[in-house]
């Protein structure tokens, strides 16, 4: 019940939404969505930045069932009513999972990994495709996704500096409450050990 948006009865991508949608003439923009909660004079208008693909297509492209996609969509729309999330919002949401640390740097890298089009926003499709890979992808798919996360400069290689940035971001995210307490040079020691293997 906490996943339900204030616009009662809002449907997932493939359903027929219980609101009217209009396109501007001569515009490729997504339709303006008008949601009515109580009365006709209490209309809430928002511009939808993105309408997701149909559930059937997402079901074919991911390892999620239709029901799972509907649940994920409701949660996504609850946090991101416009249908897209920007980096600041993503960081805010992600930080709630790590209240004792600073998750902002790791969330930045994670956001970039989900933002496959590099346009500064994550659509529902981007989110669910990445989540599908991480949760239910093959080992190779998971490794490729993680490589993309660690390859900060997108040159096809992970160098020592990139690895150090990610490892340090992970330690910052976990916070000072990790046990046992870590010394400041531990992230660098882990990276050095990794690059000496082989």
C-alpha atoms as a PDB file:
ATOM      1  CA  UNK A   1       0.000   0.000   0.000  1.00  0.00           C
ATOM      2  CA  UNK A   2       2.911   2.399   0.529  1.00  0.00           C
ATOM      3  CA  UNK A   3       3.757   2.073  -3.164  1.00  0.00           C
ATOM      4  CA  UNK A   4       0.490   3.657  -4.308  1.00  0.00           C
ATOM      5  CA  UNK A   5       0.844   7.161  -5.766  1.00  0.00           C
ATOM      6  CA  UNK A   6      -1.404  10.000  -4.690  1.00  0.00           C
ATOM      7  CA  UNK A   7      -3.101   9.866  -8.074  1.00  0.00           C
ATOM      8  CA  UNK A   8      -5.420   7.007  -7.152  1.00  0.00           C
ATOM      9  CA  UNK A   9      -5.658   4.106  -9.526  1.00  0.00           C
ATOM     10  CA  UNK A  10      -2.661   5.089 -11.620  1.00  0.00           C
ATOM     11  CA  UNK A  11      -1.916   2.189 -13.882  1.00  0.00           C
ATOM     12  CA  UNK A  12       1.395   0.624 -14.771  1.00  0.00           C
ATOM     13  CA  UNK A  13       2.843   1.162 -18.260  1.00  0.00           C
ATOM     14  CA  UNK A  14       0.699  -1.299 -20.185  1.00  0.00           C
ATOM     15  CA  UNK A  15      -2.607  -0.517 -18.488  1.00  0.00           C
ATOM     16  CA  UNK A  16      -5.029   2.137 -19.585  1.00  0.00           C
ATOM     17  CA  UNK A  17      -4.451   5.025 -17.198  1.00  0.00           C
ATOM     18  CA  UNK A  18      -7.487   6.496 -15.445  1.00  0.00           C
ATOM     19  CA  UNK A  19      -6.502  10.008 -16.504  1.00  0.00           C
ATOM     20  CA  UNK A  20      -6.585  11.973 -19.696  1.00  0.00           C
ATOM     21  CA  UNK A  21      -3.444  12.441 -21.739  1.00  0.00           C
ATOM     22  CA  UNK A  22      -2.941  15.066 -24.425  1.00  0.00           C
ATOM     23  CA  UNK A  23      -0.056  15.779 -26.768  1.00  0.00           C
ATOM     24  CA  UNK A  24       0.788  19.333 -27.689  1.00  0.00           C
ATOM     25  CA  UNK A  25       0.197  20.073 -31.343  1.00  0.00           C
ATOM     26  CA  UNK A  26       3.342  19.722 -33.394  1.00  0.00           C
ATOM     27  CA  UNK A  27       5.296  18.500 -30.412  1.00  0.00           C
ATOM     28  CA  UNK A  28       7.159  15.299 -29.750  1.00  0.00           C
ATOM     29  CA  UNK A  29       6.888  15.867 -26.005  1.00  0.00           C
ATOM     30  CA  UNK A  30       5.161  13.319 -23.873  1.00  0.00           C
ATOM     31  CA  UNK A  31       1.540  14.060 -22.968  1.00  0.00           C
ATOM     32  CA  UNK A  32       0.502  16.217 -20.066  1.00  0.00           C
ATOM     33  CA  UNK A  33      -1.164  14.033 -17.480  1.00  0.00           C
ATOM     34  CA  UNK A  34      -4.157  15.240 -15.527  1.00  0.00           C
ATOM     35  CA  UNK A  35      -4.989  13.269 -12.380  1.00  0.00           C
ATOM     36  CA  UNK A  36      -8.182  13.812 -10.430  1.00  0.00           C
ATOM     37  CA  UNK A  37      -8.177  12.614  -6.831  1.00  0.00           C
ATOM     38  CA  UNK A  38     -11.335  14.046  -5.277  1.00  0.00           C
ATOM     39  CA  UNK A  39     -13.186  16.570  -7.400  1.00  0.00           C
ATOM     40  CA  UNK A  40     -13.056  18.022 -10.869  1.00  0.00           C
ATOM     41  CA  UNK A  41     -11.834  21.363  -9.554  1.00  0.00           C
ATOM     42  CA  UNK A  42      -8.936  19.743  -7.697  1.00  0.00           C
ATOM     43  CA  UNK A  43      -6.888  18.674 -10.708  1.00  0.00           C
ATOM     44  CA  UNK A  44      -3.206  18.065 -10.342  1.00  0.00           C
ATOM     45  CA  UNK A  45      -1.333  18.687 -13.582  1.00  0.00           C
ATOM     46  CA  UNK A  46       2.153  17.387 -14.128  1.00  0.00           C
ATOM     47  CA  UNK A  47       4.282  17.040 -17.222  1.00  0.00           C
ATOM     48  CA  UNK A  48       5.291  13.448 -17.726  1.00  0.00           C
ATOM     49  CA  UNK A  49       8.815  13.399 -19.040  1.00  0.00           C
ATOM     50  CA  UNK A  50       8.694   9.778 -20.060  1.00  0.00           C
ATOM     51  CA  UNK A  51       6.173   7.035 -20.655  1.00  0.00           C
ATOM     52  CA  UNK A  52       7.715   3.580 -20.252  1.00  0.00           C
ATOM     53  CA  UNK A  53       7.601   0.816 -22.815  1.00  0.00           C
ATOM     54  CA  UNK A  54       4.793  -1.710 -22.512  1.00  0.00           C
ATOM     55  CA  UNK A  55       5.069  -4.359 -19.838  1.00  0.00           C
ATOM     56  CA  UNK A  56       5.048  -7.102 -22.440  1.00  0.00           C
ATOM     57  CA  UNK A  57       8.193  -5.711 -24.065  1.00  0.00           C
ATOM     58  CA  UNK A  58       9.928  -5.217 -20.706  1.00  0.00           C
ATOM     59  CA  UNK A  59       8.935  -8.719 -19.635  1.00  0.00           C
ATOM     60  CA  UNK A  60      10.627 -10.073 -22.777  1.00  0.00           C
ATOM     61  CA  UNK A  61      13.774  -7.968 -22.204  1.00  0.00           C
ATOM     62  CA  UNK A  62      14.210  -8.644 -18.477  1.00  0.00           C
ATOM     63  CA  UNK A  63      14.095 -11.551 -16.071  1.00  0.00           C
ATOM     64  CA  UNK A  64      11.060 -10.146 -14.246  1.00  0.00           C
ATOM     65  CA  UNK A  65       7.480 -11.351 -14.412  1.00  0.00           C
ATOM     66  CA  UNK A  66       4.637  -9.026 -15.351  1.00  0.00           C
ATOM     67  CA  UNK A  67       3.548  -8.820 -11.699  1.00  0.00           C
ATOM     68  CA  UNK A  68       7.083  -7.985 -10.541  1.00  0.00           C
ATOM     69  CA  UNK A  69       7.346  -5.271 -13.191  1.00  0.00           C
ATOM     70  CA  UNK A  70       4.053  -3.771 -12.034  1.00  0.00           C
ATOM     71  CA  UNK A  71       5.300  -3.660  -8.435  1.00  0.00           C
ATOM     72  CA  UNK A  72       8.617  -2.129  -9.506  1.00  0.00           C
ATOM     73  CA  UNK A  73       6.804   0.432 -11.648  1.00  0.00           C
ATOM     74  CA  UNK A  74       4.522   1.512  -8.805  1.00  0.00           C
ATOM     75  CA  UNK A  75       7.524   1.968  -6.526  1.00  0.00           C
ATOM     76  CA  UNK A  76       9.417   3.888  -9.212  1.00  0.00           C
ATOM     77  CA  UNK A  77       6.442   6.168  -9.882  1.00  0.00           C
ATOM     78  CA  UNK A  78       5.984   6.724  -6.149  1.00  0.00           C
ATOM     79  CA  UNK A  79       9.520   8.096  -5.865  1.00  0.00           C
ATOM     80  CA  UNK A  80       9.695   9.578  -9.376  1.00  0.00           C
ATOM     81  CA  UNK A  81       6.225  10.701 -10.511  1.00  0.00           C
ATOM     82  CA  UNK A  82       7.581  12.192 -13.741  1.00  0.00           C
ATOM     83  CA  UNK A  83       8.745   8.779 -14.929  1.00  0.00           C
ATOM     84  CA  UNK A  84      12.427   9.738 -14.805  1.00  0.00           C
ATOM     85  CA  UNK A  85      14.881  10.344 -11.985  1.00  0.00           C
ATOM     86  CA  UNK A  86      17.753  12.814 -12.033  1.00  0.00           C
ATOM     87  CA  UNK A  87      21.031  12.322 -10.204  1.00  0.00           C
ATOM     88  CA  UNK A  88      20.179  14.474  -7.179  1.00  0.00           C
ATOM     89  CA  UNK A  89      16.945  12.578  -6.555  1.00  0.00           C
ATOM     90  CA  UNK A  90      18.732   9.257  -7.052  1.00  0.00           C
ATOM     91  CA  UNK A  91      21.379  10.261  -4.493  1.00  0.00           C
ATOM     92  CA  UNK A  92      18.708  11.302  -2.005  1.00  0.00           C
ATOM     93  CA  UNK A  93      16.860   7.990  -2.359  1.00  0.00           C
ATOM     94  CA  UNK A  94      20.058   5.926  -2.222  1.00  0.00           C
ATOM     95  CA  UNK A  95      21.351   7.763   0.868  1.00  0.00           C
ATOM     96  CA  UNK A  96      18.341   6.530   2.839  1.00  0.00           C
ATOM     97  CA  UNK A  97      19.754   2.995   2.660  1.00  0.00           C
ATOM     98  CA  UNK A  98      23.080   4.083   4.202  1.00  0.00           C
ATOM     99  CA  UNK A  99      22.233   6.534   7.000  1.00  0.00           C
ATOM    100  CA  UNK A 100      25.582   6.102   8.796  1.00  0.00           C
ATOM    101  CA  UNK A 101      27.769   6.874   5.809  1.00  0.00           C
ATOM    102  CA  UNK A 102      28.136   9.187   2.843  1.00  0.00           C
ATOM    103  CA  UNK A 103      26.667   7.402  -0.167  1.00  0.00           C
ATOM    104  CA  UNK A 104      26.794  10.387  -2.527  1.00  0.00           C
ATOM    105  CA  UNK A 105      29.958   9.437  -4.430  1.00  0.00           C
ATOM    106  CA  UNK A 106      29.000   5.786  -4.875  1.00  0.00           C
ATOM    107  CA  UNK A 107      25.458   6.834  -5.829  1.00  0.00           C
ATOM    108  CA  UNK A 108      26.995   9.102  -8.495  1.00  0.00           C
ATOM    109  CA  UNK A 109      28.869   6.173 -10.044  1.00  0.00           C
ATOM    110  CA  UNK A 110      25.847   3.906  -9.718  1.00  0.00           C
ATOM    111  CA  UNK A 111      23.629   6.530 -11.350  1.00  0.00           C
ATOM    112  CA  UNK A 112      26.040   6.757 -14.283  1.00  0.00           C
ATOM    113  CA  UNK A 113      25.938   2.980 -14.692  1.00  0.00           C
ATOM    114  CA  UNK A 114      22.115   2.990 -14.814  1.00  0.00           C
ATOM    115  CA  UNK A 115      22.056   6.035 -17.136  1.00  0.00           C
ATOM    116  CA  UNK A 116      22.902   4.044 -20.249  1.00  0.00           C
ATOM    117  CA  UNK A 117      22.083   6.935 -22.614  1.00  0.00           C
ATOM    118  CA  UNK A 118      24.272   9.419 -20.688  1.00  0.00           C
ATOM    119  CA  UNK A 119      21.512  12.040 -20.697  1.00  0.00           C
ATOM    120  CA  UNK A 120      21.516  12.787 -16.964  1.00  0.00           C
ATOM    121  CA  UNK A 121      18.359  10.865 -16.150  1.00  0.00           C
ATOM    122  CA  UNK A 122      17.229   7.298 -15.537  1.00  0.00           C
ATOM    123  CA  UNK A 123      14.010   6.094 -17.104  1.00  0.00           C
ATOM    124  CA  UNK A 124      12.055   3.182 -15.672  1.00  0.00           C
ATOM    125  CA  UNK A 125      13.380   0.974 -18.480  1.00  0.00           C
ATOM    126  CA  UNK A 126      17.002   1.845 -17.608  1.00  0.00           C
ATOM    127  CA  UNK A 127      16.337   1.091 -13.964  1.00  0.00           C
ATOM    128  CA  UNK A 128      14.563  -2.221 -14.511  1.00  0.00           C
ATOM    129  CA  UNK A 129      17.097  -3.446 -17.104  1.00  0.00           C
ATOM    130  CA  UNK A 130      19.986  -2.772 -14.725  1.00  0.00           C
ATOM    131  CA  UNK A 131      18.147  -4.314 -11.800  1.00  0.00           C
ATOM    132  CA  UNK A 132      17.332  -7.396 -13.865  1.00  0.00           C
ATOM    133  CA  UNK A 133      20.998  -7.815 -14.743  1.00  0.00           C
ATOM    134  CA  UNK A 134      22.159  -7.378 -11.154  1.00  0.00           C
ATOM    135  CA  UNK A 135      19.548  -9.633  -9.576  1.00  0.00           C
ATOM    136  CA  UNK A 136      18.906 -12.283 -12.210  1.00  0.00           C
ATOM    137  CA  UNK A 137      21.457 -11.913 -14.957  1.00  0.00           C
ATOM    138  CA  UNK A 138      24.079 -14.455 -15.889  1.00  0.00           C
ATOM    139  CA  UNK A 139      27.468 -14.248 -14.221  1.00  0.00           C
ATOM    140  CA  UNK A 140      28.876 -12.726 -17.420  1.00  0.00           C
ATOM    141  CA  UNK A 141      26.081 -10.109 -17.545  1.00  0.00           C
ATOM    142  CA  UNK A 142      26.728  -9.158 -13.920  1.00  0.00           C
ATOM    143  CA  UNK A 143      30.467  -8.881 -14.523  1.00  0.00           C
ATOM    144  CA  UNK A 144      29.949  -6.701 -17.612  1.00  0.00           C
ATOM    145  CA  UNK A 145      27.558  -4.420 -15.718  1.00  0.00           C
ATOM    146  CA  UNK A 146      29.979  -4.143 -12.794  1.00  0.00           C
ATOM    147  CA  UNK A 147      32.872  -3.474 -15.183  1.00  0.00           C
ATOM    148  CA  UNK A 148      30.831  -0.635 -16.690  1.00  0.00           C
ATOM    149  CA  UNK A 149      30.288   0.743 -13.166  1.00  0.00           C
ATOM    150  CA  UNK A 150      34.012   0.664 -12.349  1.00  0.00           C
ATOM    151  CA  UNK A 151      35.162   1.982 -15.756  1.00  0.00           C
ATOM    152  CA  UNK A 152      34.541   5.583 -14.744  1.00  0.00           C
ATOM    153  CA  UNK A 153      36.114   7.225 -17.797  1.00  0.00           C
ATOM    154  CA  UNK A 154      34.530   4.685 -20.212  1.00  0.00           C
ATOM    155  CA  UNK A 155      37.786   3.839 -21.977  1.00  0.00           C
ATOM    156  CA  UNK A 156      37.268   0.072 -21.779  1.00  0.00           C
ATOM    157  CA  UNK A 157      39.819  -0.418 -18.995  1.00  0.00           C
ATOM    158  CA  UNK A 158      39.741  -0.210 -15.208  1.00  0.00           C
ATOM    159  CA  UNK A 159      42.885   1.468 -13.948  1.00  0.00           C
ATOM    160  CA  UNK A 160      44.197   1.736 -10.408  1.00  0.00           C
ATOM    161  CA  UNK A 161      42.788   5.244  -9.927  1.00  0.00           C
ATOM    162  CA  UNK A 162      39.276   4.213 -10.989  1.00  0.00           C
ATOM    163  CA  UNK A 163      39.365   1.176  -8.735  1.00  0.00           C
ATOM    164  CA  UNK A 164      40.561   3.337  -5.824  1.00  0.00           C
ATOM    165  CA  UNK A 165      37.746   5.842  -6.419  1.00  0.00           C
ATOM    166  CA  UNK A 166      35.087   3.119  -6.349  1.00  0.00           C
ATOM    167  CA  UNK A 167      36.525   1.275  -3.339  1.00  0.00           C
ATOM    168  CA  UNK A 168      36.881   4.532  -1.404  1.00  0.00           C
ATOM    169  CA  UNK A 169      33.272   5.432  -2.307  1.00  0.00           C
ATOM    170  CA  UNK A 170      32.122   2.048  -0.979  1.00  0.00           C
ATOM    171  CA  UNK A 171      33.968   2.583   2.313  1.00  0.00           C
ATOM    172  CA  UNK A 172      32.540   6.109   2.605  1.00  0.00           C
ATOM    173  CA  UNK A 173      29.069   4.726   1.962  1.00  0.00           C
ATOM    174  CA  UNK A 174      29.425   2.103   4.689  1.00  0.00           C
ATOM    175  CA  UNK A 175      30.417   4.838   7.110  1.00  0.00           C
ATOM    176  CA  UNK A 176      32.413   4.965  10.286  1.00  0.00           C
ATOM    177  CA  UNK A 177      30.305   2.217  11.790  1.00  0.00           C
ATOM    178  CA  UNK A 178      31.973  -0.601   9.884  1.00  0.00           C
ATOM    179  CA  UNK A 179      33.463  -3.235  12.123  1.00  0.00           C
ATOM    180  CA  UNK A 180      36.303  -3.390  12.784  1.00  0.00           C
ATOM    181  CA  UNK A 181      37.078   0.307  12.477  1.00  0.00           C
ATOM    182  CA  UNK A 182      39.076   0.958   9.322  1.00  0.00           C
ATOM    183  CA  UNK A 183      42.219   2.983   8.910  1.00  0.00           C
ATOM    184  CA  UNK A 184      42.307   5.651   6.209  1.00  0.00           C
ATOM    185  CA  UNK A 185      44.625   3.720   3.887  1.00  0.00           C
ATOM    186  CA  UNK A 186      42.584   0.482   3.805  1.00  0.00           C
ATOM    187  CA  UNK A 187      40.864   1.232   0.461  1.00  0.00           C
ATOM    188  CA  UNK A 188      44.253   1.839  -1.171  1.00  0.00           C
ATOM    189  CA  UNK A 189      45.652  -1.381   0.352  1.00  0.00           C
ATOM    190  CA  UNK A 190      42.760  -3.379  -1.106  1.00  0.00           C
ATOM    191  CA  UNK A 191      43.301  -1.873  -4.547  1.00  0.00           C
ATOM    192  CA  UNK A 192      47.058  -2.502  -4.377  1.00  0.00           C
ATOM    193  CA  UNK A 193      46.425  -6.144  -3.453  1.00  0.00           C
ATOM    194  CA  UNK A 194      43.956  -6.500  -6.334  1.00  0.00           C
ATOM    195  CA  UNK A 195      46.409  -5.134  -8.906  1.00  0.00           C
ATOM    196  CA  UNK A 196      49.209  -7.426  -7.644  1.00  0.00           C
ATOM    197  CA  UNK A 197      47.169 -10.590  -8.278  1.00  0.00           C
ATOM    198  CA  UNK A 198      48.121 -12.545 -11.369  1.00  0.00           C
END
